[in-house]
N, C-alpha and C. Protein backbone atom coordinates (compact mmCIF):
# COMPACT_ATOMS: atom_id res chain seq x y z
N MET A 1 4.42 29.15 -11.33
CA MET A 1 5.02 27.94 -11.03
C MET A 1 6.23 27.58 -12.05
N ALA A 2 7.45 27.58 -11.63
CA ALA A 2 8.62 27.32 -12.47
C ALA A 2 9.01 25.89 -12.23
N THR A 3 9.44 25.20 -13.29
CA THR A 3 9.91 23.75 -13.05
C THR A 3 11.14 23.58 -13.92
N VAL A 4 12.09 22.95 -13.18
CA VAL A 4 13.39 22.52 -13.90
C VAL A 4 13.32 20.94 -13.98
N GLU A 5 13.51 20.33 -15.05
CA GLU A 5 13.49 19.04 -15.15
C GLU A 5 15.02 18.52 -15.57
N LEU A 6 15.43 17.60 -14.89
CA LEU A 6 16.83 16.97 -14.97
C LEU A 6 16.67 15.52 -15.16
N ARG A 7 17.16 15.02 -16.27
CA ARG A 7 17.31 13.50 -16.57
C ARG A 7 18.72 13.19 -16.66
N PHE A 8 19.04 12.03 -16.07
CA PHE A 8 20.48 11.71 -16.19
C PHE A 8 20.55 10.07 -16.18
N SER A 9 21.51 9.56 -16.96
CA SER A 9 21.86 8.16 -17.06
C SER A 9 22.03 7.64 -15.56
N ALA A 10 21.52 6.44 -15.38
CA ALA A 10 21.59 5.78 -14.03
C ALA A 10 22.95 5.40 -13.72
N LEU A 11 23.93 6.41 -13.46
CA LEU A 11 25.15 6.10 -13.06
C LEU A 11 25.55 6.93 -11.88
N PRO A 12 26.29 6.33 -10.88
CA PRO A 12 26.51 7.04 -9.64
C PRO A 12 27.22 8.43 -9.81
N GLU A 13 28.09 8.50 -10.80
CA GLU A 13 28.77 9.79 -11.00
C GLU A 13 27.93 11.04 -11.32
N HIS A 14 26.59 10.67 -11.68
CA HIS A 14 25.79 11.75 -12.13
C HIS A 14 24.94 12.30 -10.87
N VAL A 15 24.98 11.63 -9.80
CA VAL A 15 24.36 11.91 -8.63
C VAL A 15 24.71 13.30 -8.08
N ARG A 16 26.12 13.52 -8.01
CA ARG A 16 26.65 14.69 -7.44
C ARG A 16 26.11 15.94 -8.35
N THR A 17 25.97 15.75 -9.64
CA THR A 17 25.53 16.86 -10.41
C THR A 17 24.02 17.16 -10.02
N ALA A 18 23.22 16.17 -9.80
CA ALA A 18 21.91 16.36 -9.53
C ALA A 18 21.82 17.06 -8.08
N ARG A 19 22.66 16.76 -7.16
CA ARG A 19 22.74 17.43 -5.89
C ARG A 19 23.08 18.86 -5.99
N LEU A 20 24.02 19.22 -6.89
CA LEU A 20 24.43 20.61 -7.10
C LEU A 20 23.35 21.40 -7.79
N VAL A 21 22.64 20.97 -8.73
CA VAL A 21 21.61 21.54 -9.38
C VAL A 21 20.45 21.85 -8.49
N ALA A 22 20.04 20.84 -7.66
CA ALA A 22 18.98 20.88 -6.74
C ALA A 22 19.20 22.02 -5.65
N ALA A 23 20.46 21.94 -5.26
CA ALA A 23 20.84 23.10 -4.19
C ALA A 23 20.71 24.49 -4.97
N ALA A 24 21.26 24.74 -6.12
CA ALA A 24 21.29 25.89 -6.79
C ALA A 24 19.80 26.43 -6.91
N VAL A 25 18.96 25.50 -7.40
CA VAL A 25 17.60 25.90 -7.77
C VAL A 25 16.85 26.11 -6.44
N ALA A 26 17.09 25.38 -5.37
CA ALA A 26 16.39 25.57 -4.10
C ALA A 26 16.81 26.94 -3.58
N ARG A 27 18.04 27.36 -3.69
CA ARG A 27 18.52 28.56 -3.17
C ARG A 27 17.73 29.79 -4.02
N ARG A 28 17.70 29.59 -5.37
CA ARG A 28 17.01 30.65 -6.08
C ARG A 28 15.57 30.65 -5.76
N ALA A 29 14.91 29.52 -5.34
CA ALA A 29 13.56 29.45 -5.13
C ALA A 29 13.21 30.11 -3.71
N GLY A 30 14.23 30.27 -2.87
CA GLY A 30 13.91 30.82 -1.54
C GLY A 30 13.96 29.96 -0.39
N VAL A 31 14.60 28.80 -0.57
CA VAL A 31 14.67 27.95 0.49
C VAL A 31 15.74 28.39 1.45
N ASP A 32 15.51 28.36 2.77
CA ASP A 32 16.43 28.84 3.75
C ASP A 32 17.83 28.30 3.57
N GLU A 33 18.81 29.06 3.75
CA GLU A 33 20.25 28.67 3.60
C GLU A 33 20.60 27.56 4.57
N ALA A 34 19.97 27.63 5.72
CA ALA A 34 20.36 26.65 6.77
C ALA A 34 19.85 25.24 6.38
N VAL A 35 18.89 25.20 5.34
CA VAL A 35 18.27 23.95 5.02
C VAL A 35 18.86 23.34 3.86
N LEU A 36 19.78 24.13 3.13
CA LEU A 36 20.29 23.63 1.85
C LEU A 36 21.16 22.32 1.95
N ASP A 37 21.79 22.20 3.07
CA ASP A 37 22.61 20.97 3.21
C ASP A 37 21.61 19.72 3.32
N GLU A 38 20.54 19.89 3.88
CA GLU A 38 19.58 18.81 3.95
C GLU A 38 18.92 18.53 2.48
N VAL A 39 18.77 19.57 1.75
CA VAL A 39 18.23 19.42 0.46
C VAL A 39 19.35 18.62 -0.37
N ARG A 40 20.51 18.98 -0.29
CA ARG A 40 21.64 18.23 -1.01
C ARG A 40 21.64 16.85 -0.57
N LEU A 41 21.64 16.56 0.74
CA LEU A 41 21.72 15.21 1.35
C LEU A 41 20.52 14.41 0.85
N ALA A 42 19.25 15.05 0.95
CA ALA A 42 18.06 14.19 0.63
C ALA A 42 17.92 13.85 -0.84
N VAL A 43 18.38 14.88 -1.77
CA VAL A 43 18.39 14.61 -3.08
C VAL A 43 19.51 13.60 -3.47
N GLY A 44 20.54 13.63 -2.91
CA GLY A 44 21.68 12.64 -3.03
C GLY A 44 21.17 11.26 -2.78
N GLU A 45 20.57 11.21 -1.65
CA GLU A 45 20.07 9.86 -1.23
C GLU A 45 18.90 9.34 -2.18
N ALA A 46 17.99 10.14 -2.58
CA ALA A 46 16.94 9.77 -3.45
C ALA A 46 17.46 9.39 -4.84
N CYS A 47 18.36 10.07 -5.37
CA CYS A 47 19.09 9.79 -6.66
C CYS A 47 19.84 8.50 -6.63
N THR A 48 20.56 8.48 -5.47
CA THR A 48 21.39 7.12 -5.32
C THR A 48 20.45 5.96 -5.30
N ARG A 49 19.35 6.08 -4.60
CA ARG A 49 18.40 5.01 -4.52
C ARG A 49 17.88 4.61 -5.93
N ALA A 50 17.46 5.66 -6.70
CA ALA A 50 16.94 5.50 -8.04
C ALA A 50 17.99 4.83 -9.04
N VAL A 51 19.21 5.34 -8.85
CA VAL A 51 20.26 4.82 -9.68
C VAL A 51 20.47 3.30 -9.38
N GLY A 52 20.40 2.86 -8.14
CA GLY A 52 20.59 1.56 -7.66
C GLY A 52 19.47 0.66 -8.22
N LEU A 53 18.16 1.15 -8.10
CA LEU A 53 17.06 0.50 -8.61
C LEU A 53 17.20 0.22 -10.11
N HIS A 54 17.64 1.22 -10.86
CA HIS A 54 17.77 1.08 -12.26
C HIS A 54 18.88 0.04 -12.63
N GLN A 55 20.05 0.21 -11.95
CA GLN A 55 21.20 -0.71 -12.25
C GLN A 55 20.65 -2.15 -11.85
N ASN A 56 20.10 -2.36 -10.69
CA ASN A 56 19.85 -3.79 -10.28
C ASN A 56 18.71 -4.31 -11.26
N GLY A 57 17.92 -3.52 -11.73
CA GLY A 57 16.77 -3.94 -12.62
C GLY A 57 17.17 -4.07 -14.08
N GLY A 58 18.39 -3.60 -14.41
CA GLY A 58 18.83 -3.60 -15.68
C GLY A 58 18.09 -2.58 -16.67
N ILE A 59 17.69 -1.43 -16.01
CA ILE A 59 16.77 -0.40 -16.77
C ILE A 59 17.77 0.60 -17.34
N SER A 60 17.60 0.87 -18.63
CA SER A 60 18.43 1.81 -19.22
C SER A 60 17.90 3.24 -19.32
N ALA A 61 16.54 3.39 -18.93
CA ALA A 61 15.92 4.70 -18.94
C ALA A 61 16.64 5.59 -17.96
N PRO A 62 16.55 6.86 -18.14
CA PRO A 62 17.23 7.94 -17.22
C PRO A 62 16.50 8.02 -16.04
N VAL A 63 17.23 8.53 -14.78
CA VAL A 63 16.47 8.92 -13.67
C VAL A 63 16.03 10.36 -13.93
N LYS A 64 14.76 10.53 -13.38
CA LYS A 64 14.11 11.88 -13.64
C LYS A 64 14.05 12.62 -12.33
N VAL A 65 14.50 13.95 -12.41
CA VAL A 65 14.39 14.85 -11.29
C VAL A 65 13.58 16.01 -11.54
N LEU A 66 12.58 16.40 -10.87
CA LEU A 66 11.72 17.55 -11.18
C LEU A 66 11.97 18.48 -9.98
N LEU A 67 12.38 19.80 -10.29
CA LEU A 67 12.57 20.72 -9.25
C LEU A 67 11.53 21.82 -9.47
N ILE A 68 10.50 21.85 -8.54
CA ILE A 68 9.26 22.72 -8.75
C ILE A 68 9.19 23.84 -7.83
N GLU A 69 9.29 25.07 -8.27
CA GLU A 69 9.09 26.36 -7.44
C GLU A 69 7.62 26.74 -7.43
N GLU A 70 7.00 26.67 -6.25
CA GLU A 70 5.70 27.15 -6.03
C GLU A 70 5.67 28.33 -5.24
N GLU A 71 4.42 28.87 -5.07
CA GLU A 71 4.28 30.10 -4.29
C GLU A 71 4.96 30.09 -2.96
N LYS A 72 4.75 29.17 -2.16
CA LYS A 72 5.27 29.15 -0.73
C LYS A 72 6.04 27.83 -0.48
N GLN A 73 6.42 27.13 -1.45
CA GLN A 73 7.09 25.94 -1.23
C GLN A 73 7.96 25.53 -2.44
N PHE A 74 8.96 24.84 -2.15
CA PHE A 74 9.79 24.21 -3.26
C PHE A 74 9.75 22.71 -3.06
N SER A 75 9.55 21.94 -4.16
CA SER A 75 9.55 20.47 -4.16
C SER A 75 10.49 19.91 -5.14
N ILE A 76 10.94 18.78 -4.76
CA ILE A 76 11.86 18.04 -5.65
C ILE A 76 11.19 16.58 -5.71
N GLU A 77 11.09 16.15 -7.01
CA GLU A 77 10.57 14.76 -7.16
C GLU A 77 11.52 13.92 -7.93
N VAL A 78 11.97 12.89 -7.37
CA VAL A 78 12.98 11.97 -7.94
C VAL A 78 12.21 10.73 -8.41
N GLY A 79 12.22 10.44 -9.76
CA GLY A 79 11.48 9.25 -10.24
C GLY A 79 12.27 8.22 -10.84
N ASP A 80 11.89 7.06 -10.69
CA ASP A 80 12.63 5.81 -11.34
C ASP A 80 11.59 5.11 -11.99
N GLU A 81 12.12 4.23 -12.95
CA GLU A 81 11.21 3.36 -13.78
C GLU A 81 11.26 1.73 -13.34
N ALA A 82 11.79 1.63 -12.13
CA ALA A 82 12.04 0.19 -11.66
C ALA A 82 10.59 -0.28 -11.12
N PRO A 83 10.36 -1.49 -11.42
CA PRO A 83 9.08 -2.08 -10.82
C PRO A 83 9.24 -2.33 -9.33
N HIS A 84 8.31 -1.79 -8.56
CA HIS A 84 8.31 -1.91 -7.07
C HIS A 84 7.29 -2.94 -6.64
N ALA A 85 7.60 -3.54 -5.55
CA ALA A 85 6.57 -4.47 -5.02
C ALA A 85 5.28 -3.79 -4.59
N VAL A 86 4.21 -4.43 -4.99
CA VAL A 86 2.92 -3.83 -4.57
C VAL A 86 2.59 -4.50 -3.20
N PRO A 87 1.71 -3.78 -2.41
CA PRO A 87 1.48 -4.34 -1.05
C PRO A 87 1.05 -5.79 -1.10
N GLY A 88 1.77 -6.57 -0.26
CA GLY A 88 1.33 -8.09 -0.22
C GLY A 88 2.02 -8.89 -1.35
N GLY A 89 3.03 -8.28 -2.03
CA GLY A 89 3.56 -9.11 -3.12
C GLY A 89 4.93 -8.66 -3.46
N ARG A 90 5.58 -9.28 -4.41
CA ARG A 90 6.99 -9.00 -4.83
C ARG A 90 6.93 -8.19 -6.05
N ALA A 91 7.92 -7.46 -6.36
CA ALA A 91 8.05 -6.68 -7.53
C ALA A 91 8.18 -7.70 -8.77
N PRO A 92 7.46 -7.34 -9.88
CA PRO A 92 7.62 -8.21 -10.95
C PRO A 92 9.02 -8.57 -11.23
N GLY A 93 9.31 -9.81 -11.54
CA GLY A 93 10.71 -10.30 -11.96
C GLY A 93 11.54 -10.56 -10.69
N ASP A 94 11.02 -10.37 -9.52
CA ASP A 94 11.87 -10.66 -8.38
C ASP A 94 11.95 -12.17 -8.21
N GLY A 95 13.20 -12.50 -7.97
CA GLY A 95 13.38 -13.90 -7.64
C GLY A 95 13.87 -14.17 -6.30
N PRO A 96 14.26 -15.35 -5.91
CA PRO A 96 14.74 -15.51 -4.57
C PRO A 96 16.24 -15.00 -4.55
N GLY A 97 16.75 -14.83 -3.31
CA GLY A 97 18.11 -14.43 -3.35
C GLY A 97 18.36 -13.04 -2.64
N ASP A 98 18.81 -12.00 -3.40
CA ASP A 98 19.23 -10.72 -2.97
C ASP A 98 18.07 -9.78 -2.74
N ALA A 99 16.85 -10.26 -2.84
CA ALA A 99 15.73 -9.29 -2.82
C ALA A 99 15.60 -8.80 -1.43
N ASP A 100 15.83 -9.55 -0.35
CA ASP A 100 15.85 -9.11 0.96
C ASP A 100 16.83 -8.01 1.29
N VAL A 101 18.05 -8.18 0.81
CA VAL A 101 19.05 -7.17 0.99
C VAL A 101 18.68 -5.91 0.31
N GLU A 102 18.14 -6.07 -0.97
CA GLU A 102 17.81 -4.77 -1.71
C GLU A 102 16.68 -4.09 -1.00
N THR A 103 15.66 -4.87 -0.39
CA THR A 103 14.49 -4.06 0.33
C THR A 103 15.19 -3.42 1.57
N GLU A 104 15.98 -4.10 2.24
CA GLU A 104 16.58 -3.42 3.48
C GLU A 104 17.31 -2.17 3.12
N GLU A 105 18.04 -2.19 1.99
CA GLU A 105 18.84 -0.98 1.67
C GLU A 105 17.92 0.12 1.22
N ASP A 106 16.72 -0.34 0.54
CA ASP A 106 15.70 0.63 0.08
C ASP A 106 15.16 1.32 1.14
N GLU A 107 14.69 0.45 2.21
CA GLU A 107 14.10 1.05 3.46
C GLU A 107 15.00 1.88 4.21
N MET A 108 16.22 1.54 4.20
CA MET A 108 17.27 2.39 4.90
C MET A 108 17.40 3.86 4.26
N GLY A 109 17.43 3.75 2.95
CA GLY A 109 17.47 4.98 2.12
C GLY A 109 16.21 5.93 2.37
N LEU A 110 15.11 5.23 2.41
CA LEU A 110 13.92 6.06 2.67
C LEU A 110 13.84 6.66 4.13
N ALA A 111 14.52 5.81 5.07
CA ALA A 111 14.52 6.31 6.55
C ALA A 111 15.41 7.49 6.53
N VAL A 112 16.50 7.52 5.76
CA VAL A 112 17.40 8.58 5.87
C VAL A 112 16.73 9.90 5.42
N ILE A 113 16.08 9.73 4.13
CA ILE A 113 15.32 10.74 3.58
C ILE A 113 14.21 11.39 4.49
N SER A 114 13.48 10.44 5.13
CA SER A 114 12.42 10.95 6.14
C SER A 114 13.02 11.75 7.15
N GLY A 115 14.23 11.29 7.64
CA GLY A 115 14.96 12.05 8.77
C GLY A 115 15.42 13.33 8.38
N LEU A 116 15.67 13.64 7.03
CA LEU A 116 16.10 14.88 6.54
C LEU A 116 15.01 15.89 6.15
N VAL A 117 13.95 15.29 5.73
CA VAL A 117 12.85 16.10 5.17
C VAL A 117 11.57 15.88 5.91
N ASP A 118 10.87 17.00 6.36
CA ASP A 118 9.60 16.81 7.09
C ASP A 118 8.56 16.36 6.24
N ASP A 119 8.42 16.91 5.04
CA ASP A 119 7.33 16.61 4.09
C ASP A 119 7.76 15.71 2.90
N VAL A 120 7.62 14.44 3.15
CA VAL A 120 7.96 13.39 2.09
C VAL A 120 6.84 12.59 1.67
N GLU A 121 6.69 12.36 0.33
CA GLU A 121 5.77 11.51 -0.18
C GLU A 121 6.38 10.46 -1.07
N VAL A 122 6.11 9.19 -0.77
CA VAL A 122 6.70 8.07 -1.59
C VAL A 122 5.61 7.30 -2.31
N SER A 123 5.70 7.09 -3.56
CA SER A 123 4.72 6.39 -4.30
C SER A 123 5.57 5.30 -5.19
N ALA A 124 4.92 4.14 -5.32
CA ALA A 124 5.62 3.11 -6.01
C ALA A 124 4.59 2.10 -6.57
N GLY A 125 4.92 1.56 -7.74
CA GLY A 125 4.06 0.63 -8.46
C GLY A 125 4.91 -0.28 -9.34
N GLU A 126 4.20 -0.96 -10.10
CA GLU A 126 4.91 -1.92 -10.99
C GLU A 126 5.58 -1.29 -12.15
N HIS A 127 5.32 0.05 -12.41
CA HIS A 127 5.86 0.72 -13.56
C HIS A 127 6.92 1.89 -13.13
N GLY A 128 7.18 1.89 -11.75
CA GLY A 128 8.19 2.84 -11.29
C GLY A 128 7.63 3.50 -10.05
N GLY A 129 8.51 4.35 -9.46
CA GLY A 129 8.05 5.06 -8.25
C GLY A 129 8.71 6.47 -8.25
N SER A 130 8.38 7.25 -7.20
CA SER A 130 8.90 8.51 -6.99
C SER A 130 8.93 8.81 -5.55
N ILE A 131 9.81 9.79 -5.30
CA ILE A 131 9.92 10.38 -3.93
C ILE A 131 9.86 11.90 -4.12
N ARG A 132 8.82 12.52 -3.46
CA ARG A 132 8.47 13.85 -3.56
C ARG A 132 8.77 14.55 -2.17
N MET A 133 9.68 15.53 -2.24
CA MET A 133 10.10 16.23 -1.01
C MET A 133 9.71 17.74 -1.09
N ARG A 134 9.27 18.20 0.08
CA ARG A 134 8.91 19.72 -0.05
C ARG A 134 9.54 20.39 1.16
N TRP A 135 9.89 21.72 0.75
CA TRP A 135 10.45 22.63 1.75
C TRP A 135 9.67 23.88 1.55
N PRO A 136 9.45 24.62 2.74
CA PRO A 136 8.85 25.98 2.66
C PRO A 136 9.94 26.98 2.03
N THR A 137 9.43 27.99 1.38
CA THR A 137 10.17 29.05 0.91
C THR A 137 9.82 30.46 1.52
N THR A 138 10.78 31.33 1.45
CA THR A 138 10.44 32.62 2.01
C THR A 138 10.62 33.55 0.74
N PRO A 139 9.66 34.45 0.64
CA PRO A 139 9.72 35.33 -0.65
C PRO A 139 10.91 36.23 -0.46
N PRO A 140 11.54 36.65 -1.66
CA PRO A 140 12.69 37.59 -1.71
C PRO A 140 12.36 38.89 -0.99
N ALA A 141 13.29 39.38 -0.28
CA ALA A 141 13.14 40.73 0.29
C ALA A 141 12.93 41.80 -0.76
N THR A 142 11.93 42.66 -0.48
CA THR A 142 11.75 43.73 -1.32
C THR A 142 12.16 45.14 -0.62
N PHE A 143 12.86 45.97 -1.29
CA PHE A 143 13.30 47.21 -0.65
C PHE A 143 12.53 48.39 -1.29
N PRO A 144 12.09 49.37 -0.38
CA PRO A 144 11.37 50.50 -0.98
C PRO A 144 12.31 51.33 -1.77
N VAL A 145 11.72 52.01 -2.82
CA VAL A 145 12.56 52.73 -3.73
C VAL A 145 12.41 54.20 -3.39
């Protein structure tokens, strides 16, 4: 199992770099060429969401992206350190006002990711959250000698 870890400052201009790195590693891992655009778009959406959560929460910690190559699958996990609402409650520090708009944008981003990736797992808590996306891989072709 090979893992590439990418950390970047929560700035929108770094999202493009994360997308390019994710696509390159996915290609090397054996993700089908026809799916690479979906990988790029999903990673871009997940990273944009994490950057927004960090900026809105005043969090200076970097956004973390793990690119994990396993035997028959490739997964990408985008993590943030923003406090998320726990079921039945608000995120710590949430006040009245723009919380509903932020929640709506967050849900829209998650809907886009779910539309692009068949295998998505979202986890969130008061100390941060992550989006884990998985794609099947095909082993490299071997040629007889």
